[in-house]
Protein backbone atom coordinates (compact mmCIF):
# COMPACT_ATOMS: atom_id res chain seq x y z
CA MET A 1 -8.97 -73.44 18.76
CA GLU A 2 -9.71 -72.40 15.19
CA ARG A 3 -10.99 -75.14 12.77
CA ILE A 4 -10.90 -74.75 9.10
CA CYS A 5 -12.54 -77.14 6.63
CA GLN A 6 -11.99 -76.48 2.85
CA PHE A 7 -14.46 -77.40 0.28
CA ARG A 8 -13.09 -77.55 -3.24
CA GLY A 9 -15.15 -76.11 -6.16
CA LEU A 10 -15.36 -77.51 -9.73
CA LYS A 11 -12.56 -77.59 -11.83
CA ALA A 12 -12.52 -75.50 -14.93
CA VAL A 13 -14.49 -77.08 -17.78
CA PRO A 14 -12.23 -78.59 -20.58
CA PRO A 15 -12.79 -77.05 -23.88
CA PHE A 16 -14.64 -79.28 -26.55
CA SER A 17 -11.30 -79.84 -28.47
CA ARG A 18 -9.91 -81.37 -25.46
CA ILE A 19 -12.61 -83.90 -24.68
CA ASN A 20 -11.35 -87.62 -24.36
CA PHE A 21 -13.53 -89.20 -26.87
CA SER A 22 -12.49 -92.61 -25.85
CA LEU A 23 -15.10 -92.23 -22.90
CA PRO A 24 -18.64 -93.48 -23.68
CA ILE A 25 -20.77 -90.53 -25.07
CA GLN A 26 -23.07 -90.78 -22.26
CA SER A 27 -20.65 -89.84 -19.86
CA ILE A 28 -19.38 -86.76 -21.99
CA ILE A 29 -23.22 -85.63 -22.28
CA VAL A 30 -23.89 -86.09 -18.54
CA TYR A 31 -20.82 -84.15 -17.50
CA TYR A 32 -21.65 -81.39 -19.83
CA TYR A 33 -25.41 -81.45 -18.85
CA SER A 34 -24.33 -81.05 -15.17
CA ILE A 35 -22.41 -77.95 -15.98
CA VAL A 36 -25.39 -76.19 -17.86
CA ILE A 37 -27.60 -77.25 -14.69
CA LEU A 38 -24.95 -75.62 -12.17
CA ILE A 39 -24.87 -72.44 -14.22
CA TYR A 40 -28.70 -72.29 -14.62
CA GLY A 41 -29.14 -72.81 -10.94
CA GLU A 42 -26.76 -70.13 -10.03
CA LYS A 43 -28.62 -67.69 -12.36
CA ARG A 44 -31.93 -68.61 -10.54
CA GLY A 45 -30.40 -67.91 -7.21
CA ILE A 46 -30.25 -71.48 -6.19
CA HIS A 47 -26.38 -71.44 -5.20
CA MET A 48 -24.31 -69.11 -3.08
CA ASN A 49 -22.99 -65.86 -3.94
CA LYS A 50 -19.41 -66.47 -5.49
CA ASN A 51 -17.95 -63.69 -3.20
CA THR A 52 -18.78 -65.74 -0.08
CA ARG A 53 -15.39 -67.25 0.92
CA TYR A 54 -16.01 -68.08 4.51
CA ILE A 55 -18.63 -69.68 6.55
CA TYR A 56 -18.18 -69.55 10.30
CA PHE A 57 -19.80 -72.07 12.83
CA ASP A 58 -20.20 -72.51 16.51
CA CYS A 59 -22.41 -74.81 18.49
CA ILE A 60 -25.24 -74.06 21.05
CA SER A 61 -25.45 -76.38 23.90
CA THR A 62 -28.92 -76.08 25.81
CA ASN A 63 -31.82 -78.26 26.97
CA ASN A 64 -29.67 -81.36 26.44
CA TRP A 65 -29.40 -80.39 22.82
CA ASN A 66 -26.08 -79.66 20.80
CA ILE A 67 -27.05 -77.63 17.69
CA TYR A 68 -24.53 -76.40 15.18
CA ILE A 69 -25.23 -73.19 13.61
CA ALA A 70 -23.52 -71.42 10.51
CA ALA A 71 -23.21 -67.90 9.05
CA THR A 72 -21.52 -65.86 6.51
CA ASP A 73 -20.34 -62.21 6.66
CA ASP A 74 -23.93 -61.31 5.43
CA GLY A 75 -26.13 -63.39 7.76
CA LEU A 76 -27.17 -66.67 9.38
CA CYS A 77 -27.02 -69.59 6.66
CA PHE A 78 -27.67 -72.71 8.64
CA VAL A 79 -29.25 -74.02 11.77
CA GLY A 80 -28.53 -77.71 12.23
CA SER A 81 -30.69 -80.31 13.97
CA ALA A 82 -30.44 -81.49 17.59
CA ASN A 83 -27.29 -83.60 18.41
CA GLN A 84 -26.33 -84.21 14.87
CA GLY A 85 -22.92 -82.80 14.94
CA LEU A 86 -20.76 -80.91 12.61
CA GLU A 87 -21.09 -83.39 9.98
CA GLU A 88 -24.59 -82.14 9.19
CA VAL A 89 -23.14 -78.59 8.42
CA GLU A 90 -20.25 -80.12 6.31
CA GLN A 91 -22.85 -82.23 4.35
CA TRP A 92 -24.94 -79.12 3.61
CA MET A 93 -21.97 -77.23 2.48
CA ARG A 94 -20.91 -79.82 0.01
CA LYS A 95 -24.36 -79.41 -1.67
CA HIS A 96 -24.91 -75.83 -1.41
CA ARG A 97 -21.80 -73.80 -0.57
CA HIS A 98 -19.03 -76.09 -1.79
CA VAL A 99 -16.44 -73.41 -2.59
CA ALA A 100 -16.30 -71.92 0.94
CA GLU A 101 -14.26 -72.50 3.81
CA LEU A 102 -15.72 -73.43 6.93
CA ILE A 103 -14.18 -71.84 10.04
CA GLU A 104 -15.10 -71.98 13.85
CA ASP A 105 -15.52 -68.51 15.07
CA THR A 106 -17.55 -67.82 18.41
CA ASP A 107 -17.32 -64.15 18.03
CA LYS A 108 -19.00 -63.88 14.62
CA LEU A 109 -21.62 -66.40 15.77
CA SER A 110 -22.28 -64.65 19.05
CA ILE A 111 -25.42 -62.63 18.18
CA TYR A 112 -27.10 -65.61 16.42
CA LYS A 113 -26.10 -67.90 19.35
CA LEU A 114 -27.60 -65.58 21.80
CA GLN A 115 -30.90 -65.06 20.15
CA LEU A 116 -31.26 -68.80 19.59
CA GLU A 117 -30.27 -69.74 23.30
CA GLN A 118 -32.94 -67.08 24.33
CA TYR A 119 -35.60 -68.81 22.13
CA LEU A 120 -34.70 -72.28 23.34
CA LYS A 121 -35.11 -70.91 27.04
CA GLY A 122 -38.51 -69.58 26.28
CA GLU A 123 -37.27 -66.08 26.59
CA ARG A 124 -37.81 -64.87 22.90
CA GLU A 125 -40.60 -65.15 20.36
CA ARG A 126 -39.14 -63.30 17.36
CA PHE A 127 -35.77 -62.99 15.75
CA ASP A 128 -34.01 -60.01 14.71
CA LEU A 129 -31.10 -61.46 12.60
CA PRO A 130 -29.82 -61.05 9.14
CA ILE A 131 -30.26 -64.16 6.99
CA ASP A 132 -28.14 -65.21 4.17
CA ILE A 133 -29.78 -68.02 2.37
CA ALA A 134 -30.32 -68.91 -1.30
CA GLY A 135 -33.47 -69.92 -3.06
CA THR A 136 -35.92 -69.78 -6.01
CA PRO A 137 -38.46 -66.89 -5.93
CA PHE A 138 -40.95 -69.84 -5.04
CA GLN A 139 -38.96 -71.07 -2.14
CA ARG A 140 -38.54 -67.49 -0.78
CA GLU A 141 -42.29 -66.90 -1.09
CA VAL A 142 -42.87 -69.80 0.96
CA TRP A 143 -40.27 -69.13 3.66
CA ASN A 144 -41.72 -65.48 4.08
CA GLU A 145 -45.03 -66.96 4.71
CA LEU A 146 -43.60 -69.24 7.29
CA LYS A 147 -42.22 -66.27 9.25
CA GLU A 148 -45.92 -64.94 9.47
CA ILE A 149 -47.02 -68.00 11.53
CA PRO A 150 -47.35 -66.59 15.15
CA TYR A 151 -45.48 -67.94 17.87
CA GLY A 152 -47.10 -70.83 19.69
CA HIS A 153 -49.54 -71.46 16.62
CA THR A 154 -49.39 -73.71 13.81
CA ALA A 155 -50.46 -73.97 9.99
CA THR A 156 -51.11 -76.71 7.51
CA TYR A 157 -49.27 -77.19 4.19
CA SER A 158 -52.43 -76.55 2.36
CA GLU A 159 -52.89 -73.23 4.16
CA ILE A 160 -49.46 -72.12 3.35
CA ALA A 161 -50.31 -72.89 -0.34
CA GLU A 162 -53.43 -70.77 -0.25
CA LYS A 163 -51.82 -68.01 1.42
CA ILE A 164 -49.46 -67.68 -1.53
CA ASP A 165 -52.02 -68.10 -3.82
CA ARG A 166 -51.01 -71.58 -4.96
CA PRO A 167 -53.76 -73.77 -3.55
CA SER A 168 -52.99 -76.79 -6.06
CA SER A 169 -49.10 -76.78 -4.94
CA VAL A 170 -49.16 -78.28 -1.55
CA ARG A 171 -46.51 -80.83 -2.47
CA ALA A 172 -44.22 -78.08 -3.94
CA VAL A 173 -44.72 -76.15 -0.89
CA ALA A 174 -43.82 -79.30 1.42
CA THR A 175 -40.66 -79.40 -0.86
CA ALA A 176 -39.92 -75.86 -0.19
CA ILE A 177 -40.39 -76.01 3.48
CA GLY A 178 -38.01 -79.00 3.58
CA SER A 179 -35.45 -76.80 1.88
CA ASN A 180 -35.27 -74.41 4.64
CA ALA A 181 -31.68 -74.25 5.97
CA VAL A 182 -32.32 -72.00 9.00
CA MET A 183 -34.73 -73.92 10.92
CA ILE A 184 -36.14 -72.19 14.12
CA VAL A 185 -35.38 -68.83 12.76
CA ILE A 186 -37.61 -69.40 9.78
CA PRO A 187 -40.07 -71.58 11.87
CA CYS A 188 -41.02 -74.64 9.57
CA HIS A 189 -41.68 -76.62 12.59
CA ARG A 190 -44.78 -74.78 12.93
CA VAL A 191 -46.27 -76.48 9.58
CA ILE A 192 -48.20 -79.76 10.48
CA SER A 193 -50.43 -82.07 8.38
CA LYS A 194 -54.18 -81.33 7.77
CA ASN A 195 -55.02 -84.03 10.27
CA GLY A 196 -53.17 -82.29 12.95
CA LYS A 197 -50.25 -84.95 12.96
CA MET A 198 -46.60 -83.97 12.81
CA ALA A 199 -45.09 -84.16 9.25
CA GLY A 200 -41.47 -84.46 8.14
CA TYR A 201 -39.02 -82.17 9.62
CA ARG A 202 -35.25 -82.13 8.97
CA GLY A 203 -34.43 -82.16 12.81
CA GLY A 204 -36.79 -85.09 13.40
CA ILE A 205 -40.25 -85.52 14.76
CA SER A 206 -39.14 -85.35 18.26
CA MET A 207 -37.36 -82.12 17.87
CA LYS A 208 -40.37 -80.60 16.01
CA SER A 209 -42.58 -81.65 18.86
CA SER A 210 -40.29 -80.29 21.48
CA LEU A 211 -40.40 -76.88 19.76
CA LEU A 212 -43.84 -76.56 19.64
CA GLU A 213 -44.40 -77.73 23.29
CA LEU A 214 -41.85 -75.08 24.23
CA GLU A 215 -43.88 -72.36 22.46
CA GLN A 216 -47.13 -73.67 24.05
CA SER A 217 -45.71 -73.64 27.58
CA SER A 218 -44.18 -70.07 27.14
CA LYS A 219 -47.21 -68.27 25.73
């Protein structure tokens, strides 16, 4: 059965002449400052394409994991954490794609689901899927470098920073990696600390470790 979740966008900004000046001046400043940040962010490519009206989702069930995935008509836009439920998708949408409708659609997700299931069974090393994610030029540079890490191998945060000629931006690289919405397909799980330990991962350290073990055993 089809499920639809509506996320409302911002209301129109009231003109200056209609501001309620009985409110504290700080509240007025914060409100209009947030609008400026929103507009600036969209110009930098941080937010969604305004033409994206629908986001479709389905659930992958394999290896004792339930993973929700979502896509637009243009490509995969979100891969969830293991066993976190649809709420993770909804929370991400509220922050990044709040004006779209979330619709369950098995057919539209079939190609994404197939390739991810193949990967999780150790039958696929690379993905051939369209991706629809928004990010700053720096984030995209980092994400593109992640896709160059070979299956079954790892890289450190500092190595990624060096690869993109930003050796002093290790923290910024780590932040960009943490903003990756399509885990597994853009393999942020292959990035570890310089000392060889597992670092932060949206899906949790257990999921990250399992993905690396899967790749090692399937090589």
